[in-house]
Each structure stands twice: as C-alpha cells, then as structure tokens.
C-alpha atoms as a PDB file:
ATOM      1  CA  MET A   1      35.378  -6.484  -6.362  1.00  0.00           C
ATOM      2  CA  ASP A   2      38.260  -8.189  -4.457  1.00  0.00           C
ATOM      3  CA  ILE A   3      39.324  -6.250  -1.382  1.00  0.00           C
ATOM      4  CA  LYS A   4      42.451  -7.549   0.646  1.00  0.00           C
ATOM      5  CA  VAL A   5      42.225  -8.287   4.212  1.00  0.00           C
ATOM      6  CA  PRO A   6      42.992  -5.172   6.200  1.00  0.00           C
ATOM      7  CA  SER A   7      45.924  -4.874   8.664  1.00  0.00           C
ATOM      8  CA  TYR A   8      45.190  -6.134  12.364  1.00  0.00           C
ATOM      9  CA  VAL A   9      43.369  -3.672  14.418  1.00  0.00           C
ATOM     10  CA  PRO A  10      45.007  -2.505  17.583  1.00  0.00           C
ATOM     11  CA  GLY A  11      42.999  -2.495  21.000  1.00  0.00           C
ATOM     12  CA  HIS A  12      41.510   0.376  22.121  1.00  0.00           C
ATOM     13  CA  LYS A  13      40.384  -0.532  25.577  1.00  0.00           C
ATOM     14  CA  LEU A  14      36.857  -0.945  24.808  1.00  0.00           C
ATOM     15  CA  ILE A  15      36.034  -3.385  27.813  1.00  0.00           C
ATOM     16  CA  ASP A  16      38.825  -2.118  30.158  1.00  0.00           C
ATOM     17  CA  GLY A  17      38.858  -3.346  33.598  1.00  0.00           C
ATOM     18  CA  LYS A  18      35.898  -6.003  32.665  1.00  0.00           C
ATOM     19  CA  SER A  19      35.973  -9.894  33.189  1.00  0.00           C
ATOM     20  CA  VAL A  20      34.986 -12.207  30.612  1.00  0.00           C
ATOM     21  CA  LEU A  21      33.895 -15.887  29.849  1.00  0.00           C
ATOM     22  CA  VAL A  22      34.377 -17.401  26.462  1.00  0.00           C
ATOM     23  CA  THR A  23      32.716 -20.840  25.675  1.00  0.00           C
ATOM     24  CA  ALA A  24      34.475 -23.055  23.060  1.00  0.00           C
ATOM     25  CA  ALA A  25      37.493 -20.843  22.963  1.00  0.00           C
ATOM     26  CA  ALA A  26      40.061 -23.728  22.794  1.00  0.00           C
ATOM     27  CA  GLY A  27      40.901 -23.812  19.191  1.00  0.00           C
ATOM     28  CA  ALA A  28      41.738 -21.406  16.164  1.00  0.00           C
ATOM     29  CA  GLY A  29      38.480 -20.200  15.580  1.00  0.00           C
ATOM     30  CA  ILE A  30      36.126 -16.990  16.643  1.00  0.00           C
ATOM     31  CA  GLY A  31      36.338 -18.360  20.354  1.00  0.00           C
ATOM     32  CA  PHE A  32      40.023 -18.090  20.729  1.00  0.00           C
ATOM     33  CA  SER A  33      39.966 -15.000  18.771  1.00  0.00           C
ATOM     34  CA  ALA A  34      37.389 -13.456  20.916  1.00  0.00           C
ATOM     35  CA  ALA A  35      39.180 -14.338  23.996  1.00  0.00           C
ATOM     36  CA  THR A  36      42.356 -12.627  22.539  1.00  0.00           C
ATOM     37  CA  ARG A  37      40.631  -9.806  21.509  1.00  0.00           C
ATOM     38  CA  ALA A  38      38.937  -9.643  24.954  1.00  0.00           C
ATOM     39  CA  VAL A  39      42.593  -8.922  26.407  1.00  0.00           C
ATOM     40  CA  GLU A  40      43.620  -6.917  24.001  1.00  0.00           C
ATOM     41  CA  GLU A  41      40.648  -4.793  24.462  1.00  0.00           C
ATOM     42  CA  GLY A  42      41.639  -4.362  28.305  1.00  0.00           C
ATOM     43  CA  CYS A  43      39.735  -7.044  30.279  1.00  0.00           C
ATOM     44  CA  ARG A  44      41.329  -7.617  33.631  1.00  0.00           C
ATOM     45  CA  ALA A  45      40.537 -11.410  33.702  1.00  0.00           C
ATOM     46  CA  ILE A  46      39.232 -14.102  31.444  1.00  0.00           C
ATOM     47  CA  VAL A  47      37.912 -17.592  31.693  1.00  0.00           C
ATOM     48  CA  ILE A  48      38.018 -19.730  28.599  1.00  0.00           C
ATOM     49  CA  SER A  49      35.968 -23.069  28.269  1.00  0.00           C
ATOM     50  CA  ASP A  50      36.074 -26.038  25.977  1.00  0.00           C
ATOM     51  CA  ILE A  51      34.989 -29.610  25.790  1.00  0.00           C
ATOM     52  CA  HIS A  52      38.632 -30.672  24.898  1.00  0.00           C
ATOM     53  CA  GLU A  53      40.838 -30.498  27.862  1.00  0.00           C
ATOM     54  CA  GLY A  54      44.231 -31.038  26.258  1.00  0.00           C
ATOM     55  CA  ARG A  55      43.444 -28.109  23.779  1.00  0.00           C
ATOM     56  CA  LEU A  56      41.964 -26.085  26.593  1.00  0.00           C
ATOM     57  CA  GLU A  57      45.197 -26.353  28.587  1.00  0.00           C
ATOM     58  CA  LYS A  58      47.049 -25.299  25.437  1.00  0.00           C
ATOM     59  CA  SER A  59      45.084 -22.429  24.894  1.00  0.00           C
ATOM     60  CA  VAL A  60      45.158 -20.904  28.366  1.00  0.00           C
ATOM     61  CA  ALA A  61      48.974 -21.215  28.261  1.00  0.00           C
ATOM     62  CA  LYS A  62      48.778 -19.577  24.605  1.00  0.00           C
ATOM     63  CA  LEU A  63      46.815 -16.829  25.594  1.00  0.00           C
ATOM     64  CA  LYS A  64      48.784 -15.806  28.672  1.00  0.00           C
ATOM     65  CA  GLU A  65      51.789 -16.229  26.506  1.00  0.00           C
ATOM     66  CA  GLU A  66      50.712 -14.258  23.698  1.00  0.00           C
ATOM     67  CA  THR A  67      48.977 -11.461  25.491  1.00  0.00           C
ATOM     68  CA  GLY A  68      50.926 -11.124  28.882  1.00  0.00           C
ATOM     69  CA  LEU A  69      47.662 -11.694  30.958  1.00  0.00           C
ATOM     70  CA  GLN A  70      48.271 -13.836  33.758  1.00  0.00           C
ATOM     71  CA  GLU A  71      44.537 -13.798  34.976  1.00  0.00           C
ATOM     72  CA  VAL A  72      43.744 -16.477  32.427  1.00  0.00           C
ATOM     73  CA  TYR A  73      41.780 -19.632  33.674  1.00  0.00           C
ATOM     74  CA  GLY A  74      40.458 -22.538  31.998  1.00  0.00           C
ATOM     75  CA  LYS A  75      37.551 -24.901  32.657  1.00  0.00           C
ATOM     76  CA  VAL A  76      36.347 -27.835  30.673  1.00  0.00           C
ATOM     77  CA  CYS A  77      32.562 -27.733  29.904  1.00  0.00           C
ATOM     78  CA  ASN A  78      29.981 -29.684  27.655  1.00  0.00           C
ATOM     79  CA  VAL A  79      27.193 -27.102  27.320  1.00  0.00           C
ATOM     80  CA  VAL A  80      24.778 -30.070  26.502  1.00  0.00           C
ATOM     81  CA  VAL A  81      25.144 -31.030  30.527  1.00  0.00           C
ATOM     82  CA  GLU A  82      23.504 -28.712  32.656  1.00  0.00           C
ATOM     83  CA  GLN A  83      26.030 -29.658  35.569  1.00  0.00           C
ATOM     84  CA  ASP A  84      28.584 -28.672  33.392  1.00  0.00           C
ATOM     85  CA  VAL A  85      27.132 -25.193  32.590  1.00  0.00           C
ATOM     86  CA  GLN A  86      26.628 -24.458  36.229  1.00  0.00           C
ATOM     87  CA  ALA A  87      30.146 -25.710  37.311  1.00  0.00           C
ATOM     88  CA  LEU A  88      31.531 -23.321  34.656  1.00  0.00           C
ATOM     89  CA  VAL A  89      29.434 -20.239  35.609  1.00  0.00           C
ATOM     90  CA  ASP A  90      30.245 -20.956  39.459  1.00  0.00           C
ATOM     91  CA  PHE A  91      33.916 -21.223  38.341  1.00  0.00           C
ATOM     92  CA  ALA A  92      34.002 -18.208  36.442  1.00  0.00           C
ATOM     93  CA  GLU A  93      32.195 -16.198  39.009  1.00  0.00           C
ATOM     94  CA  GLU A  94      34.734 -17.282  41.862  1.00  0.00           C
ATOM     95  CA  LYS A  95      37.721 -16.884  39.862  1.00  0.00           C
ATOM     96  CA  LEU A  96      36.557 -13.413  38.294  1.00  0.00           C
ATOM     97  CA  GLY A  97      34.884 -11.954  41.154  1.00  0.00           C
ATOM     98  CA  GLY A  98      31.724 -11.976  38.934  1.00  0.00           C
ATOM     99  CA  VAL A  99      31.467 -12.062  35.238  1.00  0.00           C
ATOM    100  CA  ASP A 100      30.960  -8.897  33.550  1.00  0.00           C
ATOM    101  CA  VAL A 101      30.633 -10.342  29.628  1.00  0.00           C
ATOM    102  CA  LEU A 102      29.737 -13.675  28.506  1.00  0.00           C
ATOM    103  CA  ILE A 103      30.534 -14.528  24.958  1.00  0.00           C
ATOM    104  CA  ASN A 104      28.327 -17.766  24.180  1.00  0.00           C
ATOM    105  CA  ASN A 105      30.421 -19.208  21.137  1.00  0.00           C
ATOM    106  CA  ALA A 106      29.832 -23.111  21.608  1.00  0.00           C
ATOM    107  CA  GLY A 107      28.185 -24.603  18.223  1.00  0.00           C
ATOM    108  CA  LEU A 108      28.233 -27.455  16.145  1.00  0.00           C
ATOM    109  CA  GLY A 109      27.659 -27.873  12.721  1.00  0.00           C
ATOM    110  CA  THR A 110      27.679 -30.778  10.034  1.00  0.00           C
ATOM    111  CA  SER A 111      26.634 -31.189   6.340  1.00  0.00           C
ATOM    112  CA  LYS A 112      23.799 -33.437   5.511  1.00  0.00           C
ATOM    113  CA  LEU A 113      20.696 -33.265   3.324  1.00  0.00           C
ATOM    114  CA  LEU A 114      17.658 -33.293   5.124  1.00  0.00           C
ATOM    115  CA  ILE A 115      16.180 -36.570   3.444  1.00  0.00           C
ATOM    116  CA  ASP A 116      19.223 -38.203   4.500  1.00  0.00           C
ATOM    117  CA  MET A 117      19.609 -36.991   7.954  1.00  0.00           C
ATOM    118  CA  GLU A 118      19.093 -39.192  11.134  1.00  0.00           C
ATOM    119  CA  ASP A 119      17.237 -37.878  14.410  1.00  0.00           C
ATOM    120  CA  ASP A 120      20.628 -38.324  16.564  1.00  0.00           C
ATOM    121  CA  GLU A 121      22.444 -36.068  13.893  1.00  0.00           C
ATOM    122  CA  TRP A 122      19.884 -33.403  14.005  1.00  0.00           C
ATOM    123  CA  ASP A 123      19.508 -33.485  17.954  1.00  0.00           C
ATOM    124  CA  LYS A 124      23.314 -33.168  18.202  1.00  0.00           C
ATOM    125  CA  VAL A 125      23.384 -29.959  16.548  1.00  0.00           C
ATOM    126  CA  ILE A 126      20.365 -28.564  17.780  1.00  0.00           C
ATOM    127  CA  GLN A 127      21.618 -29.492  21.647  1.00  0.00           C
ATOM    128  CA  VAL A 128      25.383 -27.793  21.183  1.00  0.00           C
ATOM    129  CA  THR A 129      24.249 -25.047  19.053  1.00  0.00           C
ATOM    130  CA  LEU A 130      20.751 -23.846  20.676  1.00  0.00           C
ATOM    131  CA  TYR A 131      20.158 -25.600  23.710  1.00  0.00           C
ATOM    132  CA  GLY A 132      23.812 -25.237  24.761  1.00  0.00           C
ATOM    133  CA  THR A 133      23.488 -21.307  24.305  1.00  0.00           C
ATOM    134  CA  MET A 134      20.355 -21.347  26.158  1.00  0.00           C
ATOM    135  CA  ARG A 135      21.522 -23.117  29.224  1.00  0.00           C
ATOM    136  CA  MET A 136      24.602 -20.712  29.404  1.00  0.00           C
ATOM    137  CA  THR A 137      22.449 -17.640  28.834  1.00  0.00           C
ATOM    138  CA  ARG A 138      19.957 -18.780  31.540  1.00  0.00           C
ATOM    139  CA  CYS A 139      22.428 -19.642  34.141  1.00  0.00           C
ATOM    140  CA  MET A 140      24.611 -16.405  33.294  1.00  0.00           C
ATOM    141  CA  MET A 141      21.500 -14.336  33.900  1.00  0.00           C
ATOM    142  CA  LYS A 142      20.799 -15.672  37.109  1.00  0.00           C
ATOM    143  CA  ALA A 143      24.222 -14.561  38.148  1.00  0.00           C
ATOM    144  CA  MET A 144      24.344 -11.254  36.666  1.00  0.00           C
ATOM    145  CA  GLN A 145      20.869 -10.610  38.297  1.00  0.00           C
ATOM    146  CA  LYS A 146      22.518 -10.345  41.930  1.00  0.00           C
ATOM    147  CA  ARG A 147      24.625  -7.557  40.522  1.00  0.00           C
ATOM    148  CA  GLY A 148      21.923  -5.913  38.259  1.00  0.00           C
ATOM    149  CA  ALA A 149      24.781  -5.694  35.388  1.00  0.00           C
ATOM    150  CA  GLY A 150      26.331  -7.821  32.620  1.00  0.00           C
ATOM    151  CA  VAL A 151      26.281  -8.480  28.949  1.00  0.00           C
ATOM    152  CA  ILE A 152      25.998 -11.617  27.064  1.00  0.00           C
ATOM    153  CA  VAL A 153      27.031 -11.846  23.556  1.00  0.00           C
ATOM    154  CA  ASN A 154      25.554 -14.860  21.225  1.00  0.00           C
ATOM    155  CA  ASN A 155      27.404 -16.271  18.287  1.00  0.00           C
ATOM    156  CA  ALA A 156      24.591 -16.729  15.838  1.00  0.00           C
ATOM    157  CA  SER A 157      24.971 -17.008  11.807  1.00  0.00           C
ATOM    158  CA  VAL A 158      23.639 -15.742   8.543  1.00  0.00           C
ATOM    159  CA  LEU A 159      22.049 -19.212   8.040  1.00  0.00           C
ATOM    160  CA  GLY A 160      19.376 -18.058  10.656  1.00  0.00           C
ATOM    161  CA  TRP A 161      18.329 -15.801   8.078  1.00  0.00           C
ATOM    162  CA  ARG A 162      19.483 -17.269   4.800  1.00  0.00           C
ATOM    163  CA  ALA A 163      19.047 -20.854   3.022  1.00  0.00           C
ATOM    164  CA  GLN A 164      21.891 -23.109   2.213  1.00  0.00           C
ATOM    165  CA  LYS A 165      21.639 -26.987   1.146  1.00  0.00           C
ATOM    166  CA  GLU A 166      22.780 -29.431   3.857  1.00  0.00           C
ATOM    167  CA  GLN A 167      22.507 -26.966   6.677  1.00  0.00           C
ATOM    168  CA  SER A 168      18.671 -27.389   7.479  1.00  0.00           C
ATOM    169  CA  HIS A 169      19.703 -28.519  11.107  1.00  0.00           C
ATOM    170  CA  TYR A 170      22.474 -25.950  11.744  1.00  0.00           C
ATOM    171  CA  ALA A 171      20.146 -23.089  10.104  1.00  0.00           C
ATOM    172  CA  ALA A 172      17.275 -24.047  12.354  1.00  0.00           C
ATOM    173  CA  ALA A 173      19.772 -23.912  15.538  1.00  0.00           C
ATOM    174  CA  LYS A 174      20.895 -20.590  14.690  1.00  0.00           C
ATOM    175  CA  ALA A 175      17.747 -19.335  14.108  1.00  0.00           C
ATOM    176  CA  GLY A 176      16.759 -20.437  17.519  1.00  0.00           C
ATOM    177  CA  VAL A 177      19.682 -18.592  18.745  1.00  0.00           C
ATOM    178  CA  MET A 178      18.503 -15.459  17.296  1.00  0.00           C
ATOM    179  CA  ALA A 179      15.128 -15.752  18.512  1.00  0.00           C
ATOM    180  CA  LEU A 180      16.423 -16.586  22.026  1.00  0.00           C
ATOM    181  CA  THR A 181      18.660 -13.452  21.807  1.00  0.00           C
ATOM    182  CA  ARG A 182      15.596 -11.004  21.289  1.00  0.00           C
ATOM    183  CA  CYS A 183      13.421 -12.609  23.426  1.00  0.00           C
ATOM    184  CA  ALA A 184      15.866 -13.271  26.681  1.00  0.00           C
ATOM    185  CA  ALA A 185      17.118  -9.554  25.991  1.00  0.00           C
ATOM    186  CA  LEU A 186      13.609  -8.271  26.810  1.00  0.00           C
ATOM    187  CA  GLU A 187      13.547 -10.132  30.123  1.00  0.00           C
ATOM    188  CA  ALA A 188      17.155  -9.257  30.924  1.00  0.00           C
ATOM    189  CA  ALA A 189      16.438  -5.609  30.592  1.00  0.00           C
ATOM    190  CA  ASP A 190      14.607  -5.751  34.005  1.00  0.00           C
ATOM    191  CA  ILE A 191      17.670  -6.870  35.583  1.00  0.00           C
ATOM    192  CA  GLY A 192      20.050  -4.453  33.836  1.00  0.00           C
ATOM    193  CA  VAL A 193      21.529  -6.907  31.386  1.00  0.00           C
ATOM    194  CA  ARG A 194      21.987  -6.699  27.648  1.00  0.00           C
ATOM    195  CA  ILE A 195      21.932  -9.714  25.308  1.00  0.00           C
ATOM    196  CA  ASN A 196      22.819  -9.336  21.689  1.00  0.00           C
ATOM    197  CA  ALA A 197      24.293 -11.324  18.849  1.00  0.00           C
ATOM    198  CA  VAL A 198      26.701 -11.466  15.719  1.00  0.00           C
ATOM    199  CA  ALA A 199      25.886 -13.282  12.783  1.00  0.00           C
ATOM    200  CA  PRO A 200      28.899 -14.191  10.674  1.00  0.00           C
ATOM    201  CA  SER A 201      28.405 -15.349   7.229  1.00  0.00           C
ATOM    202  CA  ILE A 202      31.750 -17.279   6.329  1.00  0.00           C
ATOM    203  CA  ALA A 203      34.728 -16.746   8.852  1.00  0.00           C
ATOM    204  CA  MET A 204      37.848 -18.353   7.611  1.00  0.00           C
ATOM    205  CA  HIS A 205      39.776 -20.435  10.261  1.00  0.00           C
ATOM    206  CA  PRO A 206      42.339 -23.476   9.604  1.00  0.00           C
ATOM    207  CA  MET A 207      39.753 -26.043  10.772  1.00  0.00           C
ATOM    208  CA  LEU A 208      37.247 -24.650   8.123  1.00  0.00           C
ATOM    209  CA  ARG A 209      39.847 -24.877   5.407  1.00  0.00           C
ATOM    210  CA  LYS A 210      40.828 -28.434   6.235  1.00  0.00           C
ATOM    211  CA  SER A 211      37.094 -30.103   6.858  1.00  0.00           C
ATOM    212  CA  ALA A 212      35.241 -28.154   3.968  1.00  0.00           C
ATOM    213  CA  PRO A 213      35.498 -28.818   0.067  1.00  0.00           C
ATOM    214  CA  ALA A 214      37.827 -26.000  -1.511  1.00  0.00           C
ATOM    215  CA  GLU A 215      35.015 -25.895  -4.163  1.00  0.00           C
ATOM    216  CA  LEU A 216      32.306 -24.968  -1.572  1.00  0.00           C
ATOM    217  CA  LEU A 217      34.631 -22.398   0.335  1.00  0.00           C
ATOM    218  CA  ALA A 218      35.521 -20.762  -3.477  1.00  0.00           C
ATOM    219  CA  GLU A 219      31.612 -20.598  -3.973  1.00  0.00           C
ATOM    220  CA  LEU A 220      31.083 -18.910  -0.849  1.00  0.00           C
ATOM    221  CA  GLU A 221      33.734 -16.576  -0.697  1.00  0.00           C
ATOM    222  CA  ALA A 222      32.821 -15.279  -4.343  1.00  0.00           C
ATOM    223  CA  LYS A 223      29.368 -14.460  -3.166  1.00  0.00           C
ATOM    224  CA  GLU A 224      30.687 -11.912  -0.832  1.00  0.00           C
ATOM    225  CA  ALA A 225      30.933  -8.391  -1.703  1.00  0.00           C
ATOM    226  CA  TYR A 226      34.734  -8.266  -0.856  1.00  0.00           C
ATOM    227  CA  GLY A 227      35.360 -11.642  -2.394  1.00  0.00           C
ATOM    228  CA  ARG A 228      36.656 -13.057   0.545  1.00  0.00           C
ATOM    229  CA  ALA A 229      35.954 -14.756   3.887  1.00  0.00           C
ATOM    230  CA  ALA A 230      35.586 -12.818   6.947  1.00  0.00           C
ATOM    231  CA  GLU A 231      38.647 -13.216   9.342  1.00  0.00           C
ATOM    232  CA  VAL A 232      37.933 -14.590  12.648  1.00  0.00           C
ATOM    233  CA  TRP A 233      39.270 -11.574  14.571  1.00  0.00           C
ATOM    234  CA  GLU A 234      36.718  -9.348  12.283  1.00  0.00           C
ATOM    235  CA  VAL A 235      33.926 -11.008  13.889  1.00  0.00           C
ATOM    236  CA  ALA A 236      35.662 -10.731  17.331  1.00  0.00           C
ATOM    237  CA  ASN A 237      35.776  -7.093  16.776  1.00  0.00           C
ATOM    238  CA  ILE A 238      32.042  -6.806  16.558  1.00  0.00           C
ATOM    239  CA  MET A 239      31.637  -9.113  19.661  1.00  0.00           C
ATOM    240  CA  MET A 240      34.045  -6.560  21.408  1.00  0.00           C
ATOM    241  CA  PHE A 241      31.696  -3.740  20.463  1.00  0.00           C
ATOM    242  CA  LEU A 242      28.549  -5.708  21.782  1.00  0.00           C
ATOM    243  CA  ALA A 243      30.488  -6.132  24.790  1.00  0.00           C
ATOM    244  CA  SER A 244      31.428  -2.452  25.370  1.00  0.00           C
ATOM    245  CA  ASP A 245      29.720   0.392  26.550  1.00  0.00           C
ATOM    246  CA  TYR A 246      29.733   1.910  23.153  1.00  0.00           C
ATOM    247  CA  SER A 247      26.546  -0.468  22.699  1.00  0.00           C
ATOM    248  CA  SER A 248      24.815   0.726  26.075  1.00  0.00           C
ATOM    249  CA  TYR A 249      21.460   1.331  24.528  1.00  0.00           C
ATOM    250  CA  LEU A 250      21.568  -1.853  22.083  1.00  0.00           C
ATOM    251  CA  THR A 251      19.792  -5.005  23.280  1.00  0.00           C
ATOM    252  CA  GLY A 252      18.031  -8.204  21.513  1.00  0.00           C
ATOM    253  CA  GLU A 253      20.101  -7.135  18.054  1.00  0.00           C
ATOM    254  CA  ILE A 254      21.395  -9.372  15.898  1.00  0.00           C
ATOM    255  CA  ILE A 255      24.374  -7.933  13.729  1.00  0.00           C
ATOM    256  CA  SER A 256      25.417  -9.487  10.513  1.00  0.00           C
ATOM    257  CA  CYS A 257      28.684  -9.876   9.610  1.00  0.00           C
ATOM    258  CA  SER A 258      28.270 -10.739   6.181  1.00  0.00           C
ATOM    259  CA  SER A 259      28.771  -8.789   2.718  1.00  0.00           C
ATOM    260  CA  GLN A 260      26.988 -11.105   0.417  1.00  0.00           C
ATOM    261  CA  ARG A 261      25.977 -10.026  -2.868  1.00  0.00           C
ATOM    262  CA  ALA A 262      22.761 -12.137  -3.231  1.00  0.00           C
END
C-alpha cells in the first residue's frame, strides 16, 4: 500500500531552551534536517560540524536564514582525528555554555562485495562510522559528566540488524554503533546522561538519489510497508523525541525508523 508523504509537522518546543551539537550536518541529509528540527523544537543555540569547510559555512548561513536563530555556529571536524573531536567538543562547550544534546550523525558508506573489498575501504567505513561515533560519545560524556546531565543520540541503521549485499562493512559499523549505544548507556546512567539511537532504513535525500542506482532505490522502497523511503525530517523527528524530556526514562535503546515488509 502506497501512502503519500505526510505534511511537514510543525515544531512543539520539545527541546526548548537546550543547546545542541550535530556532527556531519552540512548537507541535505539527516544531519542538516536534525539541526533544522532542533531549532524548530526550541533549542537556544546550536553548533553544526562537518569535514567540508565550504559546505559548512553555507549550511550555517542557511540555517540562520531559514530559522531566524542567530546563535548558530560551525566548526570543521574530522571525527576520525581525536584532536579534531576534542577541539569540536571544546568549541561547542564554550560557544553554547555547555552542550545539552549531542547528535552523532557522521557516517560513511560505500557499496562493494566483500570478496572484492580491500582493507583500506573496510577500515575507512569503520573508522568514520563506528570509531567516529565512539570518539564523539567518549569525549562528550566527559564534558557532560561535569554537569551530571545530557543526552546523546546516535544515528545507526537497520543494516545493523538486517542483511544486504555489498554492505558488510557498513552493516558491521552500524551494528557496532548499536552495541556501543547499549553499553555506553549503562555507564552514562551513572553520570546522569542518556544515550539512545535511531536506526533508519532508507531515508531519501538528494545525494542518495544522485549516487544510488535507480533500480536499487526502487527495489528498496518497494519493500517498505508505505511503499516509499522515509523523508529525512521524519528521521529527525525521532531524534528530537530521543533528545527531549519525553524520553526521560529511555536509555540504551535503538528505535527503528523502518516499515519493511520482509
């Protein structure tokens, strides 16, 4: 059954007065949508990061223009580099007066059969997607520990549960993000910090339309109960729920954003 995309849902101040840091947010995907949603849901200030400096500058300007919030800051960061991660957290802590919410969105995926994959391609995906999430979580937990409060939302994937050809490296990385989320959440509970994750199936954005074969996208969308991919803002909505006090007793959980038939 094909159900049309619903109308864009207005904000309801779910994270009113909170400060937010979003990684990999300079683009048209989930990261920028999450940043936009955070402002629409009432965040008082936000830092977005990305590895692409030029694109980041444009995204900061765009977020200010589209939302009217002036407390928008950008910081270049490569989550593979520990010094970059520490510099980003230090920057956000200073600019925001403390980070209330971290959204870990940085990730990298390619398509390659395992039998044809070289170690460097495997390592690159694991480094960005899993190690990057770990580094940001570890560094942010140390900062949040000082205040005894905070929320971390990780971007996982249903491929952490589900098999798909040519995605062994990406699936392994996202399964690792899920395990990291569950284990780190137990440790973070002792310092007043909650950690959860969202696991999207297929979320549609311009880069995916451009890079993925049309036949594959059609096949994946046909498997969804709604007959379509999720909009990036639908994934961002779940992130905002996890960031908000409505999920105050939820930690170590992975929420699937998927409706696949089989």
